[in-house]
Amino acid sequence: MCSSWVVLVFCLGQLCADQSLKPQIAASQLAANNPTLTTVTLEKPFCMFDSSLQPNKSYAIYLYAMKESASAISSLVINSSKPLDSTFQQTRGGQLGPYKAALFNVPNCVSPPRLADVGDINKVSDVLKQYLFRVGDDGTCLYDPNFLGICNPPLAPDTTYRFKYLLLDTTEGIVKDQTLWSDPIKTRRVKLPSKIDTWPGRRSGDMIVITSILSVLMFLLLAGFLASVSSVVISEDSSAETRRMSQTIQQSEPKPQLSSERTT
């Protein structure tokens, strides 16, 4: 059903034509360093579900996540018009199938956030919160026995995920619409010191550390040597000046006359 839909999607403050209905990774202008090791920032589904919204109804958006390695059979998120209620723990972090990662209100397509306000330090946080959602942003919910909401724990590094939005009619508790699964999105890989590219020479990470330490020590030794030389030069200059002053004083003192000269 969804695969044939093409809509105008709100994108970076303008209307982007011919965008398939599926979650999009956030633009780099809005989310730098995305994805990270354990998070993926997505654009919220602005204007995606407008044709499915009816007056006098309440709606919400569910976000599902699963690992790319999960089978296509297990990728369904609807069961008899009801949304899948699987959790991060039940699916082994998306390994066995989709899990519910978030629940939020339907974004307001009529009055979307003004991306021009991103440049305003007093408004940027609120604008980004309205426009983006960060998957994997909750590092404590798995270990909090009192947590009752939808858990959005960190994703696995160096792992490929897919994401899907679902429109829920909260009045009747049934699914009204859904997007396609997103394109594969891979979290970043932990870079071990031994794997650091250290061109030129391609030295290992350990060698870089050792070289840095030796460079600092060499600098300290050089600084100490220069300080010692300066001290010796200053001391020699001081001694020479003292000798010159002594000679000058001696030359300026009157010489005593001899007794033979006085009689003459």
Protein backbone atom coordinates (compact mmCIF):
# COMPACT_ATOMS: atom_id res chain seq x y z
CA MET A 1 0.00 0.00 0.00
CA CYS A 2 2.62 2.51 1.11
CA SER A 3 5.10 1.65 -1.64
CA SER A 4 3.00 3.48 -4.28
CA TRP A 5 2.54 6.68 -2.33
CA VAL A 6 4.49 9.76 -3.24
CA VAL A 7 3.92 12.98 -1.29
CA LEU A 8 5.26 16.41 -0.66
CA VAL A 9 7.36 16.17 2.48
CA PHE A 10 8.49 19.03 4.67
CA CYS A 11 12.25 19.21 4.29
CA LEU A 12 14.69 21.79 5.61
CA GLY A 13 12.08 24.54 5.69
CA GLN A 14 10.81 23.88 2.15
CA LEU A 15 8.60 21.36 0.38
CA CYS A 16 10.57 18.47 -1.07
CA ALA A 17 8.78 16.85 -3.97
CA ASP A 18 8.80 13.15 -4.82
CA GLN A 19 9.97 11.76 -1.50
CA SER A 20 8.90 8.19 -0.66
CA LEU A 21 7.17 7.72 2.63
CA LYS A 22 9.97 6.44 4.82
CA PRO A 23 12.05 7.84 7.68
CA GLN A 24 14.95 10.01 6.62
CA ILE A 25 18.23 10.52 8.44
CA ALA A 26 18.61 14.10 9.67
CA ALA A 27 20.51 16.54 7.47
CA SER A 28 24.06 17.26 8.58
CA GLN A 29 23.19 20.96 8.98
CA LEU A 30 20.84 20.00 11.83
CA ALA A 31 22.61 17.01 13.35
CA ALA A 32 26.39 16.98 13.13
CA ASN A 33 28.28 13.72 13.69
CA ASN A 34 25.24 11.65 12.76
CA PRO A 35 25.06 8.69 13.19
CA THR A 36 27.22 8.30 16.28
CA LEU A 37 28.46 5.07 17.84
CA THR A 38 25.13 4.48 19.61
CA THR A 39 22.57 6.92 18.18
CA VAL A 40 20.83 7.81 14.92
CA THR A 41 19.00 11.13 14.52
CA LEU A 42 15.95 11.05 12.23
CA GLU A 43 13.64 13.70 10.82
CA LYS A 44 10.15 13.47 12.28
CA PRO A 45 7.36 12.61 9.79
CA PHE A 46 6.15 16.09 8.88
CA CYS A 47 3.16 16.02 6.49
CA MET A 48 3.54 12.29 5.83
CA PHE A 49 0.18 11.23 7.27
CA ASP A 50 -2.04 14.25 6.54
CA SER A 51 -4.30 12.32 4.19
CA SER A 52 -5.02 9.79 6.95
CA LEU A 53 -5.93 12.31 9.65
CA GLN A 54 -9.61 12.89 10.43
CA PRO A 55 -11.22 15.59 12.55
CA ASN A 56 -12.33 14.79 16.11
CA LYS A 57 -9.74 12.04 16.33
CA SER A 58 -6.57 11.75 18.38
CA TYR A 59 -3.40 10.40 16.85
CA ALA A 60 0.16 9.52 17.83
CA ILE A 61 3.32 8.40 16.07
CA TYR A 62 5.14 5.20 16.94
CA LEU A 63 8.73 4.73 15.85
CA TYR A 64 10.02 1.19 15.38
CA ALA A 65 13.63 0.09 14.98
CA MET A 66 15.22 -3.20 13.99
CA LYS A 67 18.60 -4.49 12.94
CA GLU A 68 19.21 -5.07 9.26
CA SER A 69 19.93 -8.73 10.03
CA ALA A 70 16.33 -9.32 11.20
CA SER A 71 14.30 -11.40 8.74
CA ALA A 72 11.67 -9.83 6.49
CA ILE A 73 9.00 -12.07 8.00
CA SER A 74 9.65 -10.62 11.44
CA SER A 75 9.53 -7.02 10.20
CA LEU A 76 5.75 -6.62 10.55
CA VAL A 77 4.65 -4.03 13.10
CA ILE A 78 0.86 -4.56 12.90
CA ASN A 79 -1.11 -7.43 14.39
CA SER A 80 -4.85 -7.36 13.61
CA SER A 81 -4.83 -3.57 13.22
CA LYS A 82 -3.04 -3.23 16.54
CA PRO A 83 0.52 -1.91 16.84
CA LEU A 84 3.24 -4.35 17.75
CA ASP A 85 4.10 -3.97 21.43
CA SER A 86 7.55 -5.57 21.43
CA THR A 87 10.35 -4.05 23.48
CA PHE A 88 14.11 -3.67 23.14
CA GLN A 89 14.69 -6.50 25.60
CA GLN A 90 12.21 -8.87 23.95
CA THR A 91 13.79 -8.47 20.52
CA ARG A 92 17.40 -8.49 21.77
CA GLY A 93 17.88 -4.92 20.67
CA GLY A 94 16.16 -5.44 17.30
CA GLN A 95 17.99 -8.65 16.44
CA LEU A 96 14.79 -10.76 16.39
CA GLY A 97 12.51 -8.11 14.92
CA PRO A 98 11.22 -4.54 15.36
CA TYR A 99 10.90 -2.94 18.78
CA LYS A 100 9.02 0.18 19.78
CA ALA A 101 11.60 2.94 20.26
CA ALA A 102 9.45 6.05 20.67
CA LEU A 103 5.99 7.55 20.95
CA PHE A 104 5.30 11.22 20.19
CA ASN A 105 2.59 13.54 18.87
CA VAL A 106 1.93 13.93 15.16
CA PRO A 107 4.12 16.80 13.93
CA ASN A 108 2.20 19.94 13.00
CA CYS A 109 2.38 20.23 9.22
CA VAL A 110 0.34 23.45 9.20
CA SER A 111 2.78 25.25 11.47
CA PRO A 112 6.16 23.50 11.31
CA PRO A 113 9.19 24.80 13.20
CA ARG A 114 11.04 27.65 11.52
CA LEU A 115 14.47 26.33 10.66
CA ALA A 116 15.69 29.92 10.42
CA ASP A 117 15.41 29.94 14.22
CA VAL A 118 18.22 27.38 14.43
CA GLY A 119 20.58 30.34 14.37
CA ASP A 120 18.94 31.78 17.49
CA ILE A 121 20.65 30.36 20.59
CA ASN A 122 17.45 30.85 22.61
CA LYS A 123 15.30 28.86 20.16
CA VAL A 124 17.61 26.26 18.60
CA SER A 125 17.00 23.56 21.22
CA ASP A 126 13.20 23.78 20.90
CA VAL A 127 13.31 23.82 17.08
CA LEU A 128 15.52 20.75 16.88
CA LYS A 129 13.36 18.93 19.43
CA GLN A 130 10.28 19.57 17.29
CA TYR A 131 11.92 18.60 14.02
CA LEU A 132 14.21 15.70 14.99
CA PHE A 133 14.19 12.51 17.03
CA ARG A 134 17.32 10.78 18.31
CA VAL A 135 17.12 6.98 18.46
CA GLY A 136 19.30 5.45 21.21
CA ASP A 137 19.33 8.55 23.41
CA ASP A 138 18.30 7.00 26.75
CA GLY A 139 21.19 5.37 28.60
CA THR A 140 19.34 4.60 31.84
CA CYS A 141 15.88 3.17 31.05
CA LEU A 142 17.10 -0.44 30.79
CA TYR A 143 18.44 -0.33 34.34
CA ASP A 144 15.70 1.71 36.03
CA PRO A 145 13.18 -0.64 37.70
CA ASN A 146 10.70 2.25 38.02
CA PHE A 147 10.79 3.22 34.34
CA LEU A 148 7.37 2.60 32.74
CA GLY A 149 7.64 4.45 29.43
CA ILE A 150 8.93 3.31 26.04
CA CYS A 151 12.62 2.54 26.42
CA ASN A 152 14.95 4.06 23.83
CA PRO A 153 18.34 2.60 24.85
CA PRO A 154 21.65 3.08 23.02
CA LEU A 155 22.11 1.27 19.70
CA ALA A 156 24.98 -1.11 19.02
CA PRO A 157 28.12 0.33 17.38
CA ASP A 158 29.01 -0.71 13.84
CA THR A 159 25.50 -2.10 13.28
CA THR A 160 23.01 -1.46 10.49
CA TYR A 161 19.43 -0.53 11.42
CA ARG A 162 16.16 0.28 9.70
CA PHE A 163 13.35 2.45 11.05
CA LYS A 164 9.62 2.83 10.46
CA TYR A 165 6.94 5.33 11.49
CA LEU A 166 3.41 4.22 12.29
CA LEU A 167 0.27 6.38 12.68
CA LEU A 168 -1.96 5.24 15.54
CA ASP A 169 -5.56 6.30 16.07
CA THR A 170 -5.43 6.59 19.86
CA THR A 171 -9.21 7.00 20.04
CA GLU A 172 -9.80 3.47 18.76
CA GLY A 173 -6.34 2.05 19.43
CA ILE A 174 -5.82 0.93 15.84
CA VAL A 175 -3.19 1.60 13.19
CA LYS A 176 -4.27 3.98 10.44
CA ASP A 177 -1.13 4.21 8.36
CA GLN A 178 2.59 3.42 8.23
CA THR A 179 5.71 4.33 6.28
CA LEU A 180 8.11 2.08 4.47
CA TRP A 181 11.16 0.87 6.34
CA SER A 182 13.99 3.37 6.04
CA ASP A 183 17.10 2.79 4.00
CA PRO A 184 19.83 0.96 5.95
CA ILE A 185 21.58 3.28 8.41
CA LYS A 186 24.78 2.11 10.09
CA THR A 187 26.11 3.34 13.41
CA ARG A 188 29.77 4.25 13.61
CA ARG A 189 32.51 1.79 14.43
CA VAL A 190 34.81 2.03 17.44
CA LYS A 191 38.27 2.85 16.12
CA LEU A 192 40.94 0.97 18.06
CA PRO A 193 44.37 2.63 18.53
CA SER A 194 46.01 -0.17 16.53
CA LYS A 195 43.70 0.64 13.60
CA ILE A 196 44.38 4.38 13.43
CA ASP A 197 45.66 5.48 10.04
CA THR A 198 48.85 7.32 10.91
CA TRP A 199 50.08 8.35 7.46
CA PRO A 200 52.91 8.89 6.66
CA GLY A 201 54.55 5.69 7.78
CA ARG A 202 51.30 4.06 9.00
CA ARG A 203 52.59 3.74 12.54
CA SER A 204 50.43 2.06 15.15
CA GLY A 205 48.44 3.96 17.75
CA ASP A 206 50.95 2.92 20.45
CA MET A 207 53.79 4.36 18.40
CA ILE A 208 51.91 7.65 18.08
CA VAL A 209 51.58 7.85 21.87
CA ILE A 210 55.26 7.00 22.42
CA THR A 211 56.36 9.51 19.79
CA SER A 212 54.23 12.21 21.40
CA ILE A 213 55.74 11.55 24.84
CA LEU A 214 59.29 11.59 23.46
CA SER A 215 58.57 14.84 21.63
CA VAL A 216 57.37 16.47 24.85
CA LEU A 217 60.42 15.24 26.76
CA MET A 218 62.73 16.52 24.01
CA PHE A 219 61.05 19.91 24.19
CA LEU A 220 61.47 20.05 27.98
CA LEU A 221 65.15 19.07 27.73
CA LEU A 222 65.76 21.70 25.06
CA ALA A 223 63.99 24.34 27.12
CA GLY A 224 66.11 23.41 30.18
CA PHE A 225 69.32 23.56 28.14
CA LEU A 226 68.45 26.99 26.75
CA ALA A 227 67.62 28.23 30.23
CA SER A 228 71.01 26.99 31.53
CA VAL A 229 72.90 28.63 28.67
CA SER A 230 71.08 31.90 29.23
CA SER A 231 71.94 31.77 32.94
CA VAL A 232 75.65 31.22 32.20
CA VAL A 233 75.75 34.06 29.64
CA ILE A 234 74.01 36.45 32.04
CA SER A 235 76.45 35.45 34.84
CA GLU A 236 79.49 36.03 32.60
CA ASP A 237 78.16 39.39 31.43
CA SER A 238 77.60 40.40 35.05
CA SER A 239 81.17 39.42 36.04
CA ALA A 240 82.64 41.32 33.09
CA GLU A 241 80.63 44.41 33.97
CA THR A 242 81.82 44.22 37.57
CA ARG A 243 85.46 44.05 36.44
CA ARG A 244 85.02 47.04 34.14
CA MET A 245 83.47 49.10 36.89
CA SER A 246 86.32 48.21 39.26
CA GLN A 247 88.95 49.26 36.71
CA THR A 248 87.15 52.53 36.07
CA ILE A 249 87.06 53.35 39.77
CA GLN A 250 90.72 52.58 40.19
CA GLN A 251 91.68 54.81 37.27
CA SER A 252 89.67 57.75 38.58
CA GLU A 253 91.32 57.72 42.05
CA PRO A 254 94.30 60.26 42.41
CA LYS A 255 97.73 58.63 42.66
CA PRO A 256 99.81 59.49 45.81
CA GLN A 257 102.95 61.61 45.15
CA LEU A 258 106.43 60.20 46.02
CA SER A 259 108.58 61.95 48.74
CA SER A 260 111.32 62.84 46.22
CA GLU A 261 108.80 64.67 44.12
CA ARG A 262 107.64 66.73 47.14
CA THR A 263 111.20 67.89 47.99
CA THR A 264 111.80 68.99 44.46
